[in-house]
Amino acid sequence: MAVGCTPATPTLRHIDAAAFTSAVTDAARQLGVPGALVLAVTPHGRFVASAGTTELGEQLPPAVDTRFRIASNTKTYNNTN
């Protein structure tokens, strides 16, 4: 597509906030993680969904400023191009 052209049909659909939250909650449950936070920023807006807790035995849902300990998980990322 040439610069400055508008596609004939939009390629990005609007996000349904309730469906987005439901998908995050379902994924967290299926993966067995205690808590999850997903932030999606699109031209249509900013969408945040959290599920679970930040502390086992408590009901402290993750927030945008919650720090997640990921330990050595980043070692699995391939940074070569």
PDB file of N, CA and C in Angstrom:
ATOM      1  N   MET A   1       0.853  -1.171   0.000  1.00  0.00           N
ATOM      2  CA  MET A   1       0.000   0.000   0.000  1.00  0.00           C
ATOM      3  C   MET A   1       0.898   1.233   0.000  1.00  0.00           C
ATOM      4  N   ALA A   2       0.567   2.210  -0.776  1.00  0.00           N
ATOM      5  CA  ALA A   2       1.348   3.433  -0.872  1.00  0.00           C
ATOM      6  C   ALA A   2       1.157   4.280   0.382  1.00  0.00           C
ATOM      7  N   VAL A   3       2.174   5.059   0.697  1.00  0.00           N
ATOM      8  CA  VAL A   3       2.110   5.953   1.854  1.00  0.00           C
ATOM      9  C   VAL A   3       0.968   6.938   1.654  1.00  0.00           C
ATOM     10  N   GLY A   4       0.181   7.129   2.688  1.00  0.00           N
ATOM     11  CA  GLY A   4      -0.917   8.078   2.632  1.00  0.00           C
ATOM     12  C   GLY A   4      -2.220   7.496   2.121  1.00  0.00           C
ATOM     13  N   CYS A   5      -2.214   6.251   1.681  1.00  0.00           N
ATOM     14  CA  CYS A   5      -3.445   5.613   1.198  1.00  0.00           C
ATOM     15  C   CYS A   5      -4.227   5.033   2.366  1.00  0.00           C
ATOM     16  N   THR A   6      -5.515   5.037   2.245  1.00  0.00           N
ATOM     17  CA  THR A   6      -6.380   4.437   3.244  1.00  0.00           C
ATOM     18  C   THR A   6      -6.908   3.125   2.695  1.00  0.00           C
ATOM     19  N   PRO A   7      -6.820   2.042   3.490  1.00  0.00           N
ATOM     20  CA  PRO A   7      -7.330   0.762   2.992  1.00  0.00           C
ATOM     21  C   PRO A   7      -8.835   0.837   2.741  1.00  0.00           C
ATOM     22  N   ALA A   8      -9.314   0.048   1.788  1.00  0.00           N
ATOM     23  CA  ALA A   8     -10.732   0.037   1.438  1.00  0.00           C
ATOM     24  C   ALA A   8     -11.588  -0.417   2.613  1.00  0.00           C
ATOM     25  N   THR A   9     -11.091  -1.387   3.366  1.00  0.00           N
ATOM     26  CA  THR A   9     -11.820  -1.855   4.545  1.00  0.00           C
ATOM     27  C   THR A   9     -10.886  -1.790   5.740  1.00  0.00           C
ATOM     28  N   PRO A  10     -11.398  -1.399   6.904  1.00  0.00           N
ATOM     29  CA  PRO A  10     -10.539  -1.331   8.077  1.00  0.00           C
ATOM     30  C   PRO A  10     -10.005  -2.727   8.443  1.00  0.00           C
ATOM     31  N   THR A  11      -8.730  -2.797   8.789  1.00  0.00           N
ATOM     32  CA  THR A  11      -8.137  -4.088   9.139  1.00  0.00           C
ATOM     33  C   THR A  11      -8.158  -4.344  10.631  1.00  0.00           C
ATOM     34  N   LEU A  12      -8.416  -3.325  11.426  1.00  0.00           N
ATOM     35  CA  LEU A  12      -8.442  -3.469  12.878  1.00  0.00           C
ATOM     36  C   LEU A  12      -9.867  -3.290  13.381  1.00  0.00           C
ATOM     37  N   ARG A  13     -10.389  -4.351  13.976  1.00  0.00           N
ATOM     38  CA  ARG A  13     -11.745  -4.269  14.514  1.00  0.00           C
ATOM     39  C   ARG A  13     -11.711  -3.649  15.903  1.00  0.00           C
ATOM     40  N   HIS A  14     -12.807  -3.037  16.288  1.00  0.00           N
ATOM     41  CA  HIS A  14     -12.918  -2.479  17.631  1.00  0.00           C
ATOM     42  C   HIS A  14     -12.882  -3.606  18.658  1.00  0.00           C
ATOM     43  N   ILE A  15     -12.288  -3.343  19.795  1.00  0.00           N
ATOM     44  CA  ILE A  15     -12.194  -4.333  20.859  1.00  0.00           C
ATOM     45  C   ILE A  15     -13.387  -4.181  21.786  1.00  0.00           C
ATOM     46  N   ASP A  16     -14.060  -5.281  22.043  1.00  0.00           N
ATOM     47  CA  ASP A  16     -15.137  -5.314  23.024  1.00  0.00           C
ATOM     48  C   ASP A  16     -14.477  -5.512  24.385  1.00  0.00           C
ATOM     49  N   ALA A  17     -14.570  -4.523  25.270  1.00  0.00           N
ATOM     50  CA  ALA A  17     -13.871  -4.565  26.557  1.00  0.00           C
ATOM     51  C   ALA A  17     -14.266  -5.775  27.398  1.00  0.00           C
ATOM     52  N   ALA A  18     -15.538  -6.131  27.407  1.00  0.00           N
ATOM     53  CA  ALA A  18     -15.990  -7.284  28.189  1.00  0.00           C
ATOM     54  C   ALA A  18     -15.426  -8.581  27.630  1.00  0.00           C
ATOM     55  N   ALA A  19     -15.408  -8.720  26.314  1.00  0.00           N
ATOM     56  CA  ALA A  19     -14.856  -9.928  25.692  1.00  0.00           C
ATOM     57  C   ALA A  19     -13.349  -9.999  25.916  1.00  0.00           C
ATOM     58  N   PHE A  20     -12.675  -8.869  25.883  1.00  0.00           N
ATOM     59  CA  PHE A  20     -11.235  -8.803  26.129  1.00  0.00           C
ATOM     60  C   PHE A  20     -10.926  -9.279  27.548  1.00  0.00           C
ATOM     61  N   THR A  21     -11.661  -8.762  28.521  1.00  0.00           N
ATOM     62  CA  THR A  21     -11.480  -9.172  29.921  1.00  0.00           C
ATOM     63  C   THR A  21     -11.773 -10.652  30.096  1.00  0.00           C
ATOM     64  N   SER A  22     -12.818 -11.129  29.463  1.00  0.00           N
ATOM     65  CA  SER A  22     -13.175 -12.543  29.550  1.00  0.00           C
ATOM     66  C   SER A  22     -12.073 -13.421  28.966  1.00  0.00           C
ATOM     67  N   ALA A  23     -11.494 -13.011  27.847  1.00  0.00           N
ATOM     68  CA  ALA A  23     -10.421 -13.786  27.216  1.00  0.00           C
ATOM     69  C   ALA A  23      -9.194 -13.853  28.113  1.00  0.00           C
ATOM     70  N   VAL A  24      -8.850 -12.749  28.766  1.00  0.00           N
ATOM     71  CA  VAL A  24      -7.697 -12.724  29.678  1.00  0.00           C
ATOM     72  C   VAL A  24      -7.963 -13.613  30.887  1.00  0.00           C
ATOM     73  N   THR A  25      -9.157 -13.512  31.458  1.00  0.00           N
ATOM     74  CA  THR A  25      -9.523 -14.337  32.615  1.00  0.00           C
ATOM     75  C   THR A  25      -9.488 -15.818  32.253  1.00  0.00           C
ATOM     76  N   ASP A  26     -10.061 -16.173  31.114  1.00  0.00           N
ATOM     77  CA  ASP A  26     -10.066 -17.569  30.670  1.00  0.00           C
ATOM     78  C   ASP A  26      -8.656 -18.092  30.438  1.00  0.00           C
ATOM     79  N   ALA A  27      -7.814 -17.282  29.794  1.00  0.00           N
ATOM     80  CA  ALA A  27      -6.427 -17.703  29.528  1.00  0.00           C
ATOM     81  C   ALA A  27      -5.657 -17.903  30.826  1.00  0.00           C
ATOM     82  N   ALA A  28      -5.816 -17.006  31.784  1.00  0.00           N
ATOM     83  CA  ALA A  28      -5.118 -17.131  33.068  1.00  0.00           C
ATOM     84  C   ALA A  28      -5.545 -18.412  33.787  1.00  0.00           C
ATOM     85  N   ARG A  29      -6.833 -18.706  33.747  1.00  0.00           N
ATOM     86  CA  ARG A  29      -7.340 -19.923  34.389  1.00  0.00           C
ATOM     87  C   ARG A  29      -6.789 -21.167  33.699  1.00  0.00           C
ATOM     88  N   GLN A  30      -6.834 -21.186  32.364  1.00  0.00           N
ATOM     89  CA  GLN A  30      -6.352 -22.348  31.607  1.00  0.00           C
ATOM     90  C   GLN A  30      -4.851 -22.567  31.791  1.00  0.00           C
ATOM     91  N   LEU A  31      -4.092 -21.485  31.903  1.00  0.00           N
ATOM     92  CA  LEU A  31      -2.644 -21.597  32.074  1.00  0.00           C
ATOM     93  C   LEU A  31      -2.242 -21.855  33.519  1.00  0.00           C
ATOM     94  N   GLY A  32      -3.180 -21.683  34.435  1.00  0.00           N
ATOM     95  CA  GLY A  32      -2.909 -21.934  35.843  1.00  0.00           C
ATOM     96  C   GLY A  32      -2.018 -20.882  36.493  1.00  0.00           C
ATOM     97  N   VAL A  33      -2.054 -19.652  35.971  1.00  0.00           N
ATOM     98  CA  VAL A  33      -1.256 -18.589  36.571  1.00  0.00           C
ATOM     99  C   VAL A  33      -2.070 -17.900  37.666  1.00  0.00           C
ATOM    100  N   PRO A  34      -1.420 -17.471  38.746  1.00  0.00           N
ATOM    101  CA  PRO A  34      -2.167 -16.832  39.828  1.00  0.00           C
ATOM    102  C   PRO A  34      -2.717 -15.459  39.450  1.00  0.00           C
ATOM    103  N   GLY A  35      -2.022 -14.756  38.559  1.00  0.00           N
ATOM    104  CA  GLY A  35      -2.480 -13.434  38.163  1.00  0.00           C
ATOM    105  C   GLY A  35      -1.925 -13.049  36.816  1.00  0.00           C
ATOM    106  N   ALA A  36      -2.652 -12.190  36.133  1.00  0.00           N
ATOM    107  CA  ALA A  36      -2.214 -11.725  34.814  1.00  0.00           C
ATOM    108  C   ALA A  36      -2.768 -10.334  34.564  1.00  0.00           C
ATOM    109  N   LEU A  37      -2.029  -9.577  33.774  1.00  0.00           N
ATOM    110  CA  LEU A  37      -2.463  -8.254  33.355  1.00  0.00           C
ATOM    111  C   LEU A  37      -2.104  -8.102  31.890  1.00  0.00           C
ATOM    112  N   VAL A  38      -3.063  -7.670  31.091  1.00  0.00           N
ATOM    113  CA  VAL A  38      -2.821  -7.461  29.660  1.00  0.00           C
ATOM    114  C   VAL A  38      -3.240  -6.042  29.322  1.00  0.00           C
ATOM    115  N   LEU A  39      -2.343  -5.335  28.648  1.00  0.00           N
ATOM    116  CA  LEU A  39      -2.611  -3.976  28.184  1.00  0.00           C
ATOM    117  C   LEU A  39      -2.527  -3.991  26.668  1.00  0.00           C
ATOM    118  N   ALA A  40      -3.576  -3.551  26.004  1.00  0.00           N
ATOM    119  CA  ALA A  40      -3.578  -3.441  24.552  1.00  0.00           C
ATOM    120  C   ALA A  40      -3.825  -1.978  24.193  1.00  0.00           C
ATOM    121  N   VAL A  41      -2.909  -1.408  23.436  1.00  0.00           N
ATOM    122  CA  VAL A  41      -3.056  -0.028  22.982  1.00  0.00           C
ATOM    123  C   VAL A  41      -3.261  -0.070  21.477  1.00  0.00           C
ATOM    124  N   THR A  42      -4.398   0.424  21.034  1.00  0.00           N
ATOM    125  CA  THR A  42      -4.745   0.409  19.616  1.00  0.00           C
ATOM    126  C   THR A  42      -5.163   1.815  19.191  1.00  0.00           C
ATOM    127  N   PRO A  43      -5.335   2.051  17.920  1.00  0.00           N
ATOM    128  CA  PRO A  43      -5.852   3.347  17.480  1.00  0.00           C
ATOM    129  C   PRO A  43      -7.245   3.640  18.041  1.00  0.00           C
ATOM    130  N   HIS A  44      -7.934   2.603  18.504  1.00  0.00           N
ATOM    131  CA  HIS A  44      -9.292   2.776  19.042  1.00  0.00           C
ATOM    132  C   HIS A  44      -9.303   3.035  20.537  1.00  0.00           C
ATOM    133  N   GLY A  45      -8.159   2.946  21.187  1.00  0.00           N
ATOM    134  CA  GLY A  45      -8.109   3.208  22.615  1.00  0.00           C
ATOM    135  C   GLY A  45      -7.164   2.293  23.348  1.00  0.00           C
ATOM    136  N   ARG A  46      -7.198   2.414  24.660  1.00  0.00           N
ATOM    137  CA  ARG A  46      -6.345   1.647  25.561  1.00  0.00           C
ATOM    138  C   ARG A  46      -7.245   0.685  26.327  1.00  0.00           C
ATOM    139  N   PHE A  47      -6.885  -0.593  26.323  1.00  0.00           N
ATOM    140  CA  PHE A  47      -7.703  -1.607  26.963  1.00  0.00           C
ATOM    141  C   PHE A  47      -6.848  -2.356  27.978  1.00  0.00           C
ATOM    142  N   VAL A  48      -7.346  -2.458  29.192  1.00  0.00           N
ATOM    143  CA  VAL A  48      -6.624  -3.143  30.262  1.00  0.00           C
ATOM    144  C   VAL A  48      -7.536  -4.218  30.838  1.00  0.00           C
ATOM    145  N   ALA A  49      -6.988  -5.407  31.018  1.00  0.00           N
ATOM    146  CA  ALA A  49      -7.739  -6.497  31.646  1.00  0.00           C
ATOM    147  C   ALA A  49      -6.814  -7.186  32.629  1.00  0.00           C
ATOM    148  N   SER A  50      -7.325  -7.448  33.825  1.00  0.00           N
ATOM    149  CA  SER A  50      -6.538  -8.188  34.808  1.00  0.00           C
ATOM    150  C   SER A  50      -7.361  -9.363  35.312  1.00  0.00           C
ATOM    151  N   ALA A  51      -6.626 -10.358  35.792  1.00  0.00           N
ATOM    152  CA  ALA A  51      -7.279 -11.563  36.313  1.00  0.00           C
ATOM    153  C   ALA A  51      -6.464 -12.082  37.481  1.00  0.00           C
ATOM    154  N   GLY A  52      -7.132 -12.717  38.403  1.00  0.00           N
ATOM    155  CA  GLY A  52      -6.429 -13.358  39.511  1.00  0.00           C
ATOM    156  C   GLY A  52      -5.933 -12.381  40.550  1.00  0.00           C
ATOM    157  N   THR A  53      -4.806 -12.731  41.153  1.00  0.00           N
ATOM    158  CA  THR A  53      -4.280 -11.982  42.276  1.00  0.00           C
ATOM    159  C   THR A  53      -2.764 -11.823  42.161  1.00  0.00           C
ATOM    160  N   THR A  54      -2.240 -10.840  42.873  1.00  0.00           N
ATOM    161  CA  THR A  54      -0.793 -10.638  42.910  1.00  0.00           C
ATOM    162  C   THR A  54      -0.156 -11.365  44.084  1.00  0.00           C
ATOM    163  N   GLU A  55      -0.993 -11.896  44.977  1.00  0.00           N
ATOM    164  CA  GLU A  55      -0.481 -12.592  46.155  1.00  0.00           C
ATOM    165  C   GLU A  55      -1.392 -13.778  46.481  1.00  0.00           C
ATOM    166  N   LEU A  56      -0.801 -14.965  46.491  1.00  0.00           N
ATOM    167  CA  LEU A  56      -1.595 -16.161  46.775  1.00  0.00           C
ATOM    168  C   LEU A  56      -2.269 -16.048  48.137  1.00  0.00           C
ATOM    169  N   GLY A  57      -3.516 -16.467  48.194  1.00  0.00           N
ATOM    170  CA  GLY A  57      -4.293 -16.402  49.426  1.00  0.00           C
ATOM    171  C   GLY A  57      -4.957 -15.060  49.644  1.00  0.00           C
ATOM    172  N   GLU A  58      -4.733 -14.117  48.760  1.00  0.00           N
ATOM    173  CA  GLU A  58      -5.327 -12.783  48.859  1.00  0.00           C
ATOM    174  C   GLU A  58      -6.131 -12.492  47.601  1.00  0.00           C
ATOM    175  N   GLN A  59      -6.934 -11.464  47.652  1.00  0.00           N
ATOM    176  CA  GLN A  59      -7.676 -10.999  46.485  1.00  0.00           C
ATOM    177  C   GLN A  59      -7.155  -9.622  46.101  1.00  0.00           C
ATOM    178  N   LEU A  60      -5.933  -9.590  45.554  1.00  0.00           N
ATOM    179  CA  LEU A  60      -5.298  -8.347  45.143  1.00  0.00           C
ATOM    180  C   LEU A  60      -5.062  -8.390  43.634  1.00  0.00           C
ATOM    181  N   PRO A  61      -6.035  -7.950  42.845  1.00  0.00           N
ATOM    182  CA  PRO A  61      -5.883  -8.040  41.394  1.00  0.00           C
ATOM    183  C   PRO A  61      -4.720  -7.182  40.902  1.00  0.00           C
ATOM    184  N   PRO A  62      -4.030  -7.645  39.868  1.00  0.00           N
ATOM    185  CA  PRO A  62      -2.937  -6.870  39.296  1.00  0.00           C
ATOM    186  C   PRO A  62      -3.445  -5.548  38.726  1.00  0.00           C
ATOM    187  N   ALA A  63      -2.600  -4.522  38.821  1.00  0.00           N
ATOM    188  CA  ALA A  63      -2.902  -3.208  38.247  1.00  0.00           C
ATOM    189  C   ALA A  63      -1.804  -2.863  37.242  1.00  0.00           C
ATOM    190  N   VAL A  64      -1.995  -1.797  36.513  1.00  0.00           N
ATOM    191  CA  VAL A  64      -1.038  -1.409  35.484  1.00  0.00           C
ATOM    192  C   VAL A  64       0.356  -1.181  36.066  1.00  0.00           C
ATOM    193  N   ASP A  65       0.438  -0.710  37.291  1.00  0.00           N
ATOM    194  CA  ASP A  65       1.747  -0.444  37.892  1.00  0.00           C
ATOM    195  C   ASP A  65       2.285  -1.615  38.725  1.00  0.00           C
ATOM    196  N   THR A  66       1.639  -2.767  38.676  1.00  0.00           N
ATOM    197  CA  THR A  66       2.102  -3.952  39.404  1.00  0.00           C
ATOM    198  C   THR A  66       3.394  -4.460  38.778  1.00  0.00           C
ATOM    199  N   ARG A  67       4.349  -4.780  39.619  1.00  0.00           N
ATOM    200  CA  ARG A  67       5.608  -5.364  39.142  1.00  0.00           C
ATOM    201  C   ARG A  67       5.486  -6.879  39.223  1.00  0.00           C
ATOM    202  N   PHE A  68       5.798  -7.532  38.108  1.00  0.00           N
ATOM    203  CA  PHE A  68       5.759  -8.982  38.042  1.00  0.00           C
ATOM    204  C   PHE A  68       7.182  -9.511  38.046  1.00  0.00           C
ATOM    205  N   ARG A  69       7.460 -10.459  38.913  1.00  0.00           N
ATOM    206  CA  ARG A  69       8.768 -11.106  38.931  1.00  0.00           C
ATOM    207  C   ARG A  69       8.759 -12.181  37.847  1.00  0.00           C
ATOM    208  N   ILE A  70       9.661 -12.051  36.897  1.00  0.00           N
ATOM    209  CA  ILE A  70       9.694 -13.016  35.802  1.00  0.00           C
ATOM    210  C   ILE A  70      10.951 -13.870  35.834  1.00  0.00           C
ATOM    211  N   ALA A  71      11.810 -13.639  36.824  1.00  0.00           N
ATOM    212  CA  ALA A  71      13.023 -14.436  37.019  1.00  0.00           C
ATOM    213  C   ALA A  71      13.815 -14.553  35.724  1.00  0.00           C
ATOM    214  N   SER A  72      14.121 -15.766  35.300  1.00  0.00           N
ATOM    215  CA  SER A  72      14.963 -15.973  34.119  1.00  0.00           C
ATOM    216  C   SER A  72      14.162 -16.243  32.852  1.00  0.00           C
ATOM    217  N   ASN A  73      12.889 -15.911  32.839  1.00  0.00           N
ATOM    218  CA  ASN A  73      12.057 -16.191  31.662  1.00  0.00           C
ATOM    219  C   ASN A  73      12.558 -15.526  30.394  1.00  0.00           C
ATOM    220  N   THR A  74      13.226 -14.395  30.518  1.00  0.00           N
ATOM    221  CA  THR A  74      13.677 -13.684  29.309  1.00  0.00           C
ATOM    222  C   THR A  74      14.810 -14.431  28.615  1.00  0.00           C
ATOM    223  N   LYS A  75      15.430 -15.400  29.247  1.00  0.00           N
ATOM    224  CA  LYS A  75      16.481 -16.173  28.592  1.00  0.00           C
ATOM    225  C   LYS A  75      15.934 -16.969  27.398  1.00  0.00           C
ATOM    226  N   THR A  76      14.658 -17.202  27.369  1.00  0.00           N
ATOM    227  CA  THR A  76      14.079 -17.975  26.272  1.00  0.00           C
ATOM    228  C   THR A  76      13.847 -17.132  25.028  1.00  0.00           C
ATOM    229  N   TYR A  77      13.979 -15.820  25.130  1.00  0.00           N
ATOM    230  CA  TYR A  77      13.753 -14.955  23.965  1.00  0.00           C
ATOM    231  C   TYR A  77      14.981 -14.966  23.074  1.00  0.00           C
ATOM    232  N   ASN A  78      14.766 -15.028  21.795  1.00  0.00           N
ATOM    233  CA  ASN A  78      15.839 -15.012  20.822  1.00  0.00           C
ATOM    234  C   ASN A  78      15.995 -13.587  20.323  1.00  0.00           C
ATOM    235  N   ASN A  79      17.092 -12.956  20.649  1.00  0.00           N
ATOM    236  CA  ASN A  79      17.310 -11.554  20.259  1.00  0.00           C
ATOM    237  C   ASN A  79      18.117 -11.410  18.975  1.00  0.00           C
ATOM    238  N   THR A  80      18.369 -12.482  18.267  1.00  0.00           N
ATOM    239  CA  THR A  80      19.149 -12.368  17.034  1.00  0.00           C
ATOM    240  C   THR A  80      18.239 -11.976  15.885  1.00  0.00           C
ATOM    241  N   ASN A  81      18.773 -11.253  14.986  1.00  0.00           N
ATOM    242  CA  ASN A  81      17.997 -10.826  13.795  1.00  0.00           C
ATOM    243  C   ASN A  81      18.531 -11.449  12.549  1.00  0.00           C
TER     244      ASN A  81
END
